[in-house]
Amino acid sequence: MIVQTAMPAASASLAPDLPVIEVEGLAKHFDMHHLGQRLDAFSGIGFRIMPGQFLLLTGHNGAGKSTLLRTLYRSYLPQAGHVWLNTAEGRIDLARAADVDVALLRRREIGFVTQFLNARPRVPAEDLVAEPLRLAGRPAAEALAVARAALAEFGVKRELWAAYPSTFSGGEQQKVNLARALILPQRLLLLDEPTASLDAGARAALVRRLAALKAQGVAMIGVFHHPGDVAGLIDAELNLDNKETSNVAK
């Protein structure tokens, strides 16, 4: 089993009845200058999520699910609306925050998991997974032990732990990606198709890890290739085909 890691100390000072994130009137479009057209991704999006809640994003391909996640993460700037994140330092609008503040919040408050691993050359899998813990101040030996436990939980073979993930298959790379992304809990976790390349065993390991994070109070927003895998974790659903949200705390 993955060795459990505690939530960041900053989150302990926040009131448990305070939403982690509040989204108001969010809109995003892309200007396709070479075609003289505008592509609308979504508009009028609004919801809020409490600690430990899980919001599933649904809709057809191209409905804007991944775009919404990237806008919340501030990889994209929205054209309108607010993304309020309640932090130990106060209420911050990610839609308007300075880049330096967004970078800091990504290290302390917001995690993002995709189906792709950006593996640095000649860095062993176990070191790549342990890195977030080391950067957070954990002793190197302890971080490495937790990393190895995480790799084992996701089904990465022991003989691969010291190998370079850049040489792995897509499915094995994704297991390393998940082990690294989930090793240090954040208050808000964004998940973009994390199960797309995983076998059944690794998908089950992911669900167990997400359930543990949910129990610790991590708020999650996700798009899933196999939504049935996380059916028992879902508190609310936002369908971007019709922009209707169900069961989200108001």
C-alpha atoms as a PDB file:
ATOM      1  CA  MET A   1       0.000   0.000   0.000  1.00  0.00           C
ATOM      2  CA  ILE A   2       1.098   3.590  -0.606  1.00  0.00           C
ATOM      3  CA  VAL A   3       2.509   5.234   2.505  1.00  0.00           C
ATOM      4  CA  GLN A   4       0.083   7.991   3.414  1.00  0.00           C
ATOM      5  CA  THR A   5       1.384  11.550   3.441  1.00  0.00           C
ATOM      6  CA  ALA A   6      -0.235  14.369   5.370  1.00  0.00           C
ATOM      7  CA  MET A   7      -1.951  17.348   3.835  1.00  0.00           C
ATOM      8  CA  PRO A   8       0.117  20.567   3.742  1.00  0.00           C
ATOM      9  CA  ALA A   9       0.122  22.348   7.094  1.00  0.00           C
ATOM     10  CA  ALA A  10      -1.301  25.516   5.529  1.00  0.00           C
ATOM     11  CA  SER A  11      -4.608  23.758   4.834  1.00  0.00           C
ATOM     12  CA  ALA A  12      -5.077  22.923   8.512  1.00  0.00           C
ATOM     13  CA  SER A  13      -5.669  26.607   9.288  1.00  0.00           C
ATOM     14  CA  LEU A  14      -8.603  26.877   6.895  1.00  0.00           C
ATOM     15  CA  ALA A  15     -12.169  26.467   8.151  1.00  0.00           C
ATOM     16  CA  PRO A  16     -13.603  23.074   7.102  1.00  0.00           C
ATOM     17  CA  ASP A  17     -16.854  24.732   5.959  1.00  0.00           C
ATOM     18  CA  LEU A  18     -14.987  27.025   3.534  1.00  0.00           C
ATOM     19  CA  PRO A  19     -15.122  25.984  -0.148  1.00  0.00           C
ATOM     20  CA  VAL A  20     -11.792  25.033  -1.693  1.00  0.00           C
ATOM     21  CA  ILE A  21     -12.744  26.560  -5.047  1.00  0.00           C
ATOM     22  CA  GLU A  22     -15.614  28.768  -6.256  1.00  0.00           C
ATOM     23  CA  VAL A  23     -16.117  29.315  -9.992  1.00  0.00           C
ATOM     24  CA  GLU A  24     -18.368  32.149 -11.222  1.00  0.00           C
ATOM     25  CA  GLY A  25     -19.420  32.915 -14.817  1.00  0.00           C
ATOM     26  CA  LEU A  26     -16.314  31.342 -16.353  1.00  0.00           C
ATOM     27  CA  ALA A  27     -15.978  31.649 -20.135  1.00  0.00           C
ATOM     28  CA  LYS A  28     -13.266  30.626 -22.590  1.00  0.00           C
ATOM     29  CA  HIS A  29     -12.949  30.896 -26.343  1.00  0.00           C
ATOM     30  CA  PHE A  30     -10.128  30.639 -28.855  1.00  0.00           C
ATOM     31  CA  ASP A  31      -9.583  33.089 -31.696  1.00  0.00           C
ATOM     32  CA  MET A  32      -8.605  31.207 -34.866  1.00  0.00           C
ATOM     33  CA  HIS A  33      -7.011  34.120 -36.672  1.00  0.00           C
ATOM     34  CA  HIS A  34      -6.011  32.175 -39.782  1.00  0.00           C
ATOM     35  CA  LEU A  35      -9.692  31.278 -40.314  1.00  0.00           C
ATOM     36  CA  GLY A  36     -11.151  34.525 -39.073  1.00  0.00           C
ATOM     37  CA  GLN A  37     -13.304  32.544 -36.649  1.00  0.00           C
ATOM     38  CA  ARG A  38     -13.865  32.155 -32.936  1.00  0.00           C
ATOM     39  CA  LEU A  39     -14.165  28.767 -31.269  1.00  0.00           C
ATOM     40  CA  ASP A  40     -16.263  28.860 -28.110  1.00  0.00           C
ATOM     41  CA  ALA A  41     -15.159  26.319 -25.479  1.00  0.00           C
ATOM     42  CA  PHE A  42     -17.651  27.139 -22.714  1.00  0.00           C
ATOM     43  CA  SER A  43     -19.364  30.080 -21.027  1.00  0.00           C
ATOM     44  CA  GLY A  44     -21.333  30.778 -17.879  1.00  0.00           C
ATOM     45  CA  ILE A  45     -19.682  27.983 -15.873  1.00  0.00           C
ATOM     46  CA  GLY A  46     -20.285  28.172 -12.138  1.00  0.00           C
ATOM     47  CA  PHE A  47     -19.860  25.785  -9.214  1.00  0.00           C
ATOM     48  CA  ARG A  48     -18.137  25.448  -5.876  1.00  0.00           C
ATOM     49  CA  ILE A  49     -16.474  22.477  -4.231  1.00  0.00           C
ATOM     50  CA  MET A  50     -15.978  21.776  -0.552  1.00  0.00           C
ATOM     51  CA  PRO A  51     -13.044  19.840   0.964  1.00  0.00           C
ATOM     52  CA  GLY A  52     -13.306  16.166   0.106  1.00  0.00           C
ATOM     53  CA  GLN A  53     -15.795  16.623  -2.742  1.00  0.00           C
ATOM     54  CA  PHE A  54     -15.314  15.081  -6.197  1.00  0.00           C
ATOM     55  CA  LEU A  55     -16.737  16.775  -9.315  1.00  0.00           C
ATOM     56  CA  LEU A  56     -16.872  14.707 -12.513  1.00  0.00           C
ATOM     57  CA  LEU A  57     -16.801  16.569 -15.842  1.00  0.00           C
ATOM     58  CA  THR A  58     -18.766  14.907 -18.640  1.00  0.00           C
ATOM     59  CA  GLY A  59     -19.753  15.718 -22.224  1.00  0.00           C
ATOM     60  CA  HIS A  60     -18.972  14.736 -25.795  1.00  0.00           C
ATOM     61  CA  ASN A  61     -15.491  14.987 -27.301  1.00  0.00           C
ATOM     62  CA  GLY A  62     -14.759  18.646 -27.853  1.00  0.00           C
ATOM     63  CA  ALA A  63     -17.239  19.867 -25.222  1.00  0.00           C
ATOM     64  CA  GLY A  64     -14.443  21.683 -23.377  1.00  0.00           C
ATOM     65  CA  LYS A  65     -13.698  19.334 -20.462  1.00  0.00           C
ATOM     66  CA  SER A  66      -9.906  19.428 -20.739  1.00  0.00           C
ATOM     67  CA  THR A  67     -10.026  23.122 -21.600  1.00  0.00           C
ATOM     68  CA  LEU A  68     -11.945  23.804 -18.401  1.00  0.00           C
ATOM     69  CA  LEU A  69      -9.351  21.928 -16.339  1.00  0.00           C
ATOM     70  CA  ARG A  70      -6.511  23.850 -17.994  1.00  0.00           C
ATOM     71  CA  THR A  71      -8.342  27.123 -17.379  1.00  0.00           C
ATOM     72  CA  LEU A  72      -8.763  26.284 -13.699  1.00  0.00           C
ATOM     73  CA  TYR A  73      -5.049  25.429 -13.565  1.00  0.00           C
ATOM     74  CA  ARG A  74      -4.392  28.741 -15.347  1.00  0.00           C
ATOM     75  CA  SER A  75      -2.634  27.202 -18.329  1.00  0.00           C
ATOM     76  CA  TYR A  76      -5.312  29.158 -20.221  1.00  0.00           C
ATOM     77  CA  LEU A  77      -6.609  32.612 -19.363  1.00  0.00           C
ATOM     78  CA  PRO A  78     -10.416  32.888 -19.393  1.00  0.00           C
ATOM     79  CA  GLN A  79     -12.189  35.692 -21.216  1.00  0.00           C
ATOM     80  CA  ALA A  80     -14.652  36.211 -18.363  1.00  0.00           C
ATOM     81  CA  GLY A  81     -15.484  35.006 -14.888  1.00  0.00           C
ATOM     82  CA  HIS A  82     -13.695  34.213 -11.658  1.00  0.00           C
ATOM     83  CA  VAL A  83     -11.913  31.196 -10.167  1.00  0.00           C
ATOM     84  CA  TRP A  84     -11.723  31.855  -6.448  1.00  0.00           C
ATOM     85  CA  LEU A  85      -9.303  29.653  -4.516  1.00  0.00           C
ATOM     86  CA  ASN A  86      -9.478  29.906  -0.738  1.00  0.00           C
ATOM     87  CA  THR A  87      -5.948  29.636   0.628  1.00  0.00           C
ATOM     88  CA  ALA A  88      -4.211  30.197   3.952  1.00  0.00           C
ATOM     89  CA  GLU A  89      -3.110  33.580   2.558  1.00  0.00           C
ATOM     90  CA  GLY A  90      -6.661  34.570   1.618  1.00  0.00           C
ATOM     91  CA  ARG A  91      -9.104  34.336  -1.292  1.00  0.00           C
ATOM     92  CA  ILE A  92      -7.295  34.457  -4.631  1.00  0.00           C
ATOM     93  CA  ASP A  93      -8.834  34.779  -8.104  1.00  0.00           C
ATOM     94  CA  LEU A  94      -6.836  32.438 -10.341  1.00  0.00           C
ATOM     95  CA  ALA A  95      -8.347  34.105 -13.391  1.00  0.00           C
ATOM     96  CA  ARG A  96      -6.491  37.309 -12.555  1.00  0.00           C
ATOM     97  CA  ALA A  97      -3.586  36.270 -10.326  1.00  0.00           C
ATOM     98  CA  ALA A  98      -0.017  37.108 -11.308  1.00  0.00           C
ATOM     99  CA  ASP A  99       1.984  34.318 -12.930  1.00  0.00           C
ATOM    100  CA  VAL A 100       4.386  34.178  -9.957  1.00  0.00           C
ATOM    101  CA  ASP A 101       1.459  33.629  -7.576  1.00  0.00           C
ATOM    102  CA  VAL A 102      -0.004  30.921  -9.815  1.00  0.00           C
ATOM    103  CA  ALA A 103       3.360  29.134  -9.854  1.00  0.00           C
ATOM    104  CA  LEU A 104       3.494  29.217  -6.050  1.00  0.00           C
ATOM    105  CA  LEU A 105      -0.071  27.916  -5.734  1.00  0.00           C
ATOM    106  CA  ARG A 106       0.749  25.049  -8.076  1.00  0.00           C
ATOM    107  CA  ARG A 107       3.515  23.972  -5.735  1.00  0.00           C
ATOM    108  CA  ARG A 108       1.465  24.355  -2.551  1.00  0.00           C
ATOM    109  CA  GLU A 109      -2.243  24.032  -3.330  1.00  0.00           C
ATOM    110  CA  ILE A 110      -3.106  22.705  -6.808  1.00  0.00           C
ATOM    111  CA  GLY A 111      -2.167  19.406  -8.424  1.00  0.00           C
ATOM    112  CA  PHE A 112      -2.718  18.498 -12.080  1.00  0.00           C
ATOM    113  CA  VAL A 113      -2.639  14.941 -13.410  1.00  0.00           C
ATOM    114  CA  THR A 114      -2.696  14.168 -17.133  1.00  0.00           C
ATOM    115  CA  GLN A 115      -2.245  10.983 -19.132  1.00  0.00           C
ATOM    116  CA  PHE A 116       1.189  12.118 -20.302  1.00  0.00           C
ATOM    117  CA  LEU A 117       4.515  11.924 -18.462  1.00  0.00           C
ATOM    118  CA  ASN A 118       7.143  14.536 -19.208  1.00  0.00           C
ATOM    119  CA  ALA A 119      10.057  12.279 -18.279  1.00  0.00           C
ATOM    120  CA  ARG A 120      13.406  13.989 -17.968  1.00  0.00           C
ATOM    121  CA  PRO A 121      16.256  12.045 -19.608  1.00  0.00           C
ATOM    122  CA  ARG A 122      18.491   9.890 -17.395  1.00  0.00           C
ATOM    123  CA  VAL A 123      16.402  10.355 -14.237  1.00  0.00           C
ATOM    124  CA  PRO A 124      15.386   7.028 -12.609  1.00  0.00           C
ATOM    125  CA  ALA A 125      11.697   6.430 -12.014  1.00  0.00           C
ATOM    126  CA  GLU A 126      12.096   6.238  -8.234  1.00  0.00           C
ATOM    127  CA  ASP A 127      13.948   9.570  -8.127  1.00  0.00           C
ATOM    128  CA  LEU A 128      11.341  11.230 -10.328  1.00  0.00           C
ATOM    129  CA  VAL A 129       8.541  10.060  -8.032  1.00  0.00           C
ATOM    130  CA  ALA A 130      10.403  11.025  -4.851  1.00  0.00           C
ATOM    131  CA  GLU A 131      11.242  14.532  -6.074  1.00  0.00           C
ATOM    132  CA  PRO A 132       8.051  16.320  -4.851  1.00  0.00           C
ATOM    133  CA  LEU A 133       8.646  15.012  -1.328  1.00  0.00           C
ATOM    134  CA  ARG A 134      12.314  16.053  -1.371  1.00  0.00           C
ATOM    135  CA  LEU A 135      11.378  19.533  -2.578  1.00  0.00           C
ATOM    136  CA  ALA A 136       8.877  19.727   0.288  1.00  0.00           C
ATOM    137  CA  GLY A 137      11.681  19.088   2.760  1.00  0.00           C
ATOM    138  CA  ARG A 138      11.339  15.357   3.433  1.00  0.00           C
ATOM    139  CA  PRO A 139      14.625  13.468   4.078  1.00  0.00           C
ATOM    140  CA  ALA A 140      15.960  11.838   0.912  1.00  0.00           C
ATOM    141  CA  ALA A 141      15.837   8.278   2.279  1.00  0.00           C
ATOM    142  CA  GLU A 142      12.265   8.703   3.519  1.00  0.00           C
ATOM    143  CA  ALA A 143      11.152  10.252   0.220  1.00  0.00           C
ATOM    144  CA  LEU A 144      12.710   7.377  -1.704  1.00  0.00           C
ATOM    145  CA  ALA A 145      10.968   4.773   0.481  1.00  0.00           C
ATOM    146  CA  VAL A 146       7.576   6.414  -0.062  1.00  0.00           C
ATOM    147  CA  ALA A 147       8.276   6.663  -3.813  1.00  0.00           C
ATOM    148  CA  ARG A 148       9.094   2.960  -4.044  1.00  0.00           C
ATOM    149  CA  ALA A 149       5.891   2.097  -2.168  1.00  0.00           C
ATOM    150  CA  ALA A 150       3.913   4.245  -4.605  1.00  0.00           C
ATOM    151  CA  LEU A 151       5.515   2.584  -7.639  1.00  0.00           C
ATOM    152  CA  ALA A 152       4.729  -0.831  -6.184  1.00  0.00           C
ATOM    153  CA  GLU A 153       1.120   0.151  -5.528  1.00  0.00           C
ATOM    154  CA  PHE A 154       0.626   1.169  -9.157  1.00  0.00           C
ATOM    155  CA  GLY A 155       2.173  -2.073 -10.383  1.00  0.00           C
ATOM    156  CA  VAL A 156       5.542  -0.859 -11.662  1.00  0.00           C
ATOM    157  CA  LYS A 157       7.954  -3.807 -11.545  1.00  0.00           C
ATOM    158  CA  ARG A 158      10.765  -3.531  -9.001  1.00  0.00           C
ATOM    159  CA  GLU A 159      13.432  -3.979 -11.687  1.00  0.00           C
ATOM    160  CA  LEU A 160      12.162  -0.796 -13.381  1.00  0.00           C
ATOM    161  CA  TRP A 161      12.342   1.480 -10.344  1.00  0.00           C
ATOM    162  CA  ALA A 162      15.941   2.501 -11.059  1.00  0.00           C
ATOM    163  CA  ALA A 163      15.408   2.611 -14.839  1.00  0.00           C
ATOM    164  CA  TYR A 164      14.645   5.683 -16.949  1.00  0.00           C
ATOM    165  CA  PRO A 165      10.890   6.211 -17.612  1.00  0.00           C
ATOM    166  CA  SER A 166      11.708   7.652 -21.041  1.00  0.00           C
ATOM    167  CA  THR A 167      12.379   4.048 -22.114  1.00  0.00           C
ATOM    168  CA  PHE A 168       9.059   2.698 -20.729  1.00  0.00           C
ATOM    169  CA  SER A 169       5.870   1.848 -22.597  1.00  0.00           C
ATOM    170  CA  GLY A 170       3.027   4.368 -22.495  1.00  0.00           C
ATOM    171  CA  GLY A 171       1.152   2.448 -19.820  1.00  0.00           C
ATOM    172  CA  GLU A 172       4.214   2.090 -17.583  1.00  0.00           C
ATOM    173  CA  GLN A 173       5.031   5.781 -18.015  1.00  0.00           C
ATOM    174  CA  GLN A 174       1.525   6.658 -16.887  1.00  0.00           C
ATOM    175  CA  LYS A 175       1.946   4.588 -13.726  1.00  0.00           C
ATOM    176  CA  VAL A 176       5.094   6.559 -12.899  1.00  0.00           C
ATOM    177  CA  ASN A 177       3.255   9.766 -13.744  1.00  0.00           C
ATOM    178  CA  LEU A 178       0.442   8.962 -11.302  1.00  0.00           C
ATOM    179  CA  ALA A 179       2.816   7.870  -8.544  1.00  0.00           C
ATOM    180  CA  ARG A 180       4.658  11.191  -8.820  1.00  0.00           C
ATOM    181  CA  ALA A 181       1.561  13.379  -9.188  1.00  0.00           C
ATOM    182  CA  LEU A 182      -0.257  11.866  -6.205  1.00  0.00           C
ATOM    183  CA  ILE A 183       2.604  11.356  -3.776  1.00  0.00           C
ATOM    184  CA  LEU A 184       2.232  14.783  -2.159  1.00  0.00           C
ATOM    185  CA  PRO A 185      -1.430  15.700  -1.468  1.00  0.00           C
ATOM    186  CA  GLN A 186      -2.661  19.095  -2.638  1.00  0.00           C
ATOM    187  CA  ARG A 187      -5.868  20.796  -1.540  1.00  0.00           C
ATOM    188  CA  LEU A 188      -7.219  20.800  -5.103  1.00  0.00           C
ATOM    189  CA  LEU A 189      -6.514  18.015  -7.572  1.00  0.00           C
ATOM    190  CA  LEU A 190      -7.345  18.290 -11.298  1.00  0.00           C
ATOM    191  CA  LEU A 191      -7.413  14.998 -13.223  1.00  0.00           C
ATOM    192  CA  ASP A 192      -7.431  14.925 -17.023  1.00  0.00           C
ATOM    193  CA  GLU A 193      -8.065  11.372 -18.338  1.00  0.00           C
ATOM    194  CA  PRO A 194      -5.590   9.757 -15.916  1.00  0.00           C
ATOM    195  CA  THR A 195      -6.788   6.194 -16.641  1.00  0.00           C
ATOM    196  CA  ALA A 196      -6.602   6.290 -20.457  1.00  0.00           C
ATOM    197  CA  SER A 197      -3.453   4.118 -20.705  1.00  0.00           C
ATOM    198  CA  LEU A 198      -3.843   2.028 -17.555  1.00  0.00           C
ATOM    199  CA  ASP A 199      -4.646  -1.640 -17.108  1.00  0.00           C
ATOM    200  CA  ALA A 200      -7.369  -2.751 -14.684  1.00  0.00           C
ATOM    201  CA  GLY A 201      -4.967  -3.269 -11.787  1.00  0.00           C
ATOM    202  CA  ALA A 202      -3.460   0.204 -12.071  1.00  0.00           C
ATOM    203  CA  ARG A 203      -6.916   1.749 -12.413  1.00  0.00           C
ATOM    204  CA  ALA A 204      -7.951   0.044  -9.170  1.00  0.00           C
ATOM    205  CA  ALA A 205      -4.806   1.358  -7.461  1.00  0.00           C
ATOM    206  CA  LEU A 206      -5.633   4.865  -8.646  1.00  0.00           C
ATOM    207  CA  VAL A 207      -9.163   4.642  -7.265  1.00  0.00           C
ATOM    208  CA  ARG A 208      -7.805   3.509  -3.887  1.00  0.00           C
ATOM    209  CA  ARG A 209      -5.378   6.417  -3.822  1.00  0.00           C
ATOM    210  CA  LEU A 210      -8.078   8.935  -4.786  1.00  0.00           C
ATOM    211  CA  ALA A 211     -10.376   7.547  -2.081  1.00  0.00           C
ATOM    212  CA  ALA A 212      -7.602   8.059   0.486  1.00  0.00           C
ATOM    213  CA  LEU A 213      -7.022  11.627  -0.704  1.00  0.00           C
ATOM    214  CA  LYS A 214     -10.754  12.342  -0.621  1.00  0.00           C
ATOM    215  CA  ALA A 215     -10.878  11.116   2.987  1.00  0.00           C
ATOM    216  CA  GLN A 216      -8.056  13.571   3.793  1.00  0.00           C
ATOM    217  CA  GLY A 217     -10.155  16.447   2.426  1.00  0.00           C
ATOM    218  CA  VAL A 218      -8.653  16.856  -1.046  1.00  0.00           C
ATOM    219  CA  ALA A 219     -11.139  18.435  -3.475  1.00  0.00           C
ATOM    220  CA  MET A 220     -11.056  16.871  -6.944  1.00  0.00           C
ATOM    221  CA  ILE A 221     -12.280  17.750 -10.437  1.00  0.00           C
ATOM    222  CA  GLY A 222     -11.788  15.124 -13.105  1.00  0.00           C
ATOM    223  CA  VAL A 223     -12.373  13.823 -16.613  1.00  0.00           C
ATOM    224  CA  PHE A 224     -12.246  10.031 -16.835  1.00  0.00           C
ATOM    225  CA  HIS A 225     -12.010   7.638 -19.766  1.00  0.00           C
ATOM    226  CA  HIS A 226     -13.619   5.003 -17.519  1.00  0.00           C
ATOM    227  CA  PRO A 227     -15.994   7.040 -15.286  1.00  0.00           C
ATOM    228  CA  GLY A 228     -17.402   3.861 -13.802  1.00  0.00           C
ATOM    229  CA  ASP A 229     -14.102   3.320 -12.022  1.00  0.00           C
ATOM    230  CA  VAL A 230     -14.696   6.372  -9.813  1.00  0.00           C
ATOM    231  CA  ALA A 231     -18.494   6.091  -9.512  1.00  0.00           C
ATOM    232  CA  GLY A 232     -18.248   5.556  -5.749  1.00  0.00           C
ATOM    233  CA  LEU A 233     -16.245   8.772  -5.281  1.00  0.00           C
ATOM    234  CA  ILE A 234     -18.410  11.193  -7.271  1.00  0.00           C
ATOM    235  CA  ASP A 235     -20.326  13.870  -5.351  1.00  0.00           C
ATOM    236  CA  ALA A 236     -21.380  15.964  -8.330  1.00  0.00           C
ATOM    237  CA  GLU A 237     -21.390  16.017 -12.111  1.00  0.00           C
ATOM    238  CA  LEU A 238     -21.012  18.889 -14.557  1.00  0.00           C
ATOM    239  CA  ASN A 239     -22.174  18.045 -18.087  1.00  0.00           C
ATOM    240  CA  LEU A 240     -20.556  20.484 -20.495  1.00  0.00           C
ATOM    241  CA  ASP A 241     -23.006  19.535 -23.237  1.00  0.00           C
ATOM    242  CA  ASN A 242     -25.713  21.421 -21.388  1.00  0.00           C
ATOM    243  CA  LYS A 243     -23.669  23.087 -18.625  1.00  0.00           C
ATOM    244  CA  GLU A 244     -25.879  21.594 -15.898  1.00  0.00           C
ATOM    245  CA  THR A 245     -24.349  20.826 -12.522  1.00  0.00           C
ATOM    246  CA  SER A 246     -25.919  18.350 -10.107  1.00  0.00           C
ATOM    247  CA  ASN A 247     -25.343  17.929  -6.394  1.00  0.00           C
ATOM    248  CA  VAL A 248     -22.600  20.542  -6.110  1.00  0.00           C
ATOM    249  CA  ALA A 249     -22.636  22.321  -2.738  1.00  0.00           C
ATOM    250  CA  LYS A 250     -24.081  25.795  -2.970  1.00  0.00           C
END
